[in-house]
């Protein structure tokens, strides 16, 4: 195996645990900031068994714990990344779940 093949193999993108589904689902984000509970009504861009991508007005730091509310269901997650579009002032938040979100979304996911 050449050095180039080893580098390409070691830098390969990680395999996803489940498929992403592009869908707009209304959600409420709940988190603590400066000893206050904060809420934001928002929506998803995509969902999966183990996470989602949400549009927000808030720049939440990776590692921040959030509670996601959808209908009468709640699911705990953590911000895994935050990408701010300075032109539109919209923030995309990648949220990873502590547990399987299949029942939360009411959808079946492949793999």
Protein backbone atom coordinates (compact mmCIF):
# COMPACT_ATOMS: atom_id res chain seq x y z
CA UNK A 1 0.00 0.00 0.00
CA UNK A 2 1.42 3.38 -0.98
CA UNK A 3 1.58 6.39 1.35
CA UNK A 4 -1.14 8.12 -0.72
CA UNK A 5 -3.48 5.13 -0.32
CA UNK A 6 -2.89 5.15 3.45
CA UNK A 7 -3.69 8.89 3.67
CA UNK A 8 -6.85 8.50 1.58
CA UNK A 9 -7.95 5.54 3.70
CA UNK A 10 -7.34 7.38 6.99
CA UNK A 11 -9.15 10.54 5.87
CA UNK A 12 -12.27 8.84 4.48
CA UNK A 13 -15.55 10.32 5.67
CA UNK A 14 -17.17 8.40 8.53
CA UNK A 15 -20.08 6.13 7.61
CA UNK A 16 -23.44 7.48 8.74
CA UNK A 17 -25.48 5.40 11.19
CA UNK A 18 -28.73 6.09 9.29
CA UNK A 19 -30.02 7.93 6.26
CA UNK A 20 -30.86 11.63 6.31
CA UNK A 21 -34.31 12.65 5.16
CA UNK A 22 -34.83 16.21 3.94
CA UNK A 23 -38.03 17.38 5.59
CA UNK A 24 -39.35 20.50 7.27
CA UNK A 25 -40.69 19.56 10.69
CA UNK A 26 -41.72 22.23 13.22
CA UNK A 27 -39.74 21.91 16.47
CA UNK A 28 -39.07 23.93 19.59
CA UNK A 29 -35.50 24.10 20.89
CA UNK A 30 -35.06 24.45 24.66
CA UNK A 31 -31.69 25.12 26.31
CA UNK A 32 -30.11 26.90 29.27
CA UNK A 33 -28.05 30.03 28.81
CA UNK A 34 -26.81 32.37 31.56
CA UNK A 35 -28.92 30.50 34.13
CA UNK A 36 -32.10 31.11 32.11
CA UNK A 37 -34.16 28.67 30.10
CA UNK A 38 -34.36 29.72 26.44
CA UNK A 39 -36.89 28.65 23.80
CA UNK A 40 -36.99 28.98 20.05
CA UNK A 41 -39.69 27.83 17.63
CA UNK A 42 -37.91 26.56 14.54
CA UNK A 43 -37.95 23.82 11.90
CA UNK A 44 -35.74 21.07 10.62
CA UNK A 45 -33.94 20.95 7.29
CA UNK A 46 -33.25 17.22 7.57
CA UNK A 47 -33.75 14.45 10.13
CA UNK A 48 -32.25 11.03 10.84
CA UNK A 49 -32.47 8.36 13.54
CA UNK A 50 -29.60 9.93 15.45
CA UNK A 51 -29.81 13.65 14.73
CA UNK A 52 -31.17 16.54 12.74
CA UNK A 53 -30.26 19.79 11.06
CA UNK A 54 -32.23 22.80 12.35
CA UNK A 55 -32.40 26.44 11.27
CA UNK A 56 -32.02 28.92 14.12
CA UNK A 57 -31.42 32.56 14.99
CA UNK A 58 -29.08 31.57 17.82
CA UNK A 59 -25.42 30.66 17.56
CA UNK A 60 -25.31 27.76 20.04
CA UNK A 61 -21.87 26.39 20.77
CA UNK A 62 -20.98 22.74 20.03
CA UNK A 63 -21.53 20.65 23.15
CA UNK A 64 -24.58 22.66 24.25
CA UNK A 65 -27.34 20.35 25.47
CA UNK A 66 -30.75 21.02 23.90
CA UNK A 67 -34.18 19.54 24.40
CA UNK A 68 -36.13 19.24 21.15
CA UNK A 69 -39.92 19.34 21.31
CA UNK A 70 -42.06 18.04 18.46
CA UNK A 71 -45.78 17.81 19.12
CA UNK A 72 -46.07 16.24 22.54
CA UNK A 73 -42.70 14.47 22.32
CA UNK A 74 -39.29 15.48 23.68
CA UNK A 75 -35.79 14.28 22.77
CA UNK A 76 -32.44 15.22 24.30
CA UNK A 77 -29.54 16.16 22.03
CA UNK A 78 -26.26 18.05 21.81
CA UNK A 79 -25.12 20.62 19.31
CA UNK A 80 -22.47 18.94 17.16
CA UNK A 81 -21.80 21.91 14.88
CA UNK A 82 -22.96 25.44 14.20
CA UNK A 83 -22.70 27.20 10.83
CA UNK A 84 -23.73 30.86 10.63
CA UNK A 85 -24.64 32.57 7.36
CA UNK A 86 -23.65 36.16 8.05
CA UNK A 87 -25.59 37.47 5.02
CA UNK A 88 -28.94 36.07 6.20
CA UNK A 89 -28.13 35.81 9.93
CA UNK A 90 -29.52 32.27 9.89
CA UNK A 91 -27.64 29.59 11.79
CA UNK A 92 -27.68 25.90 10.89
CA UNK A 93 -27.36 23.68 13.95
CA UNK A 94 -26.35 20.04 13.67
CA UNK A 95 -27.85 18.19 16.63
CA UNK A 96 -26.90 14.65 17.68
CA UNK A 97 -29.34 12.65 19.79
CA UNK A 98 -28.63 10.73 22.97
CA UNK A 99 -31.00 7.96 21.80
CA UNK A 100 -32.71 6.62 18.67
CA UNK A 101 -35.11 9.23 17.23
CA UNK A 102 -37.26 6.88 15.11
CA UNK A 103 -40.26 7.06 17.45
CA UNK A 104 -39.76 10.79 18.03
CA UNK A 105 -40.02 11.56 14.29
CA UNK A 106 -42.65 8.88 13.63
CA UNK A 107 -40.64 7.70 10.60
CA UNK A 108 -38.71 4.59 9.60
CA UNK A 109 -35.11 5.00 8.46
CA UNK A 110 -32.97 2.63 6.43
CA UNK A 111 -29.73 1.35 7.95
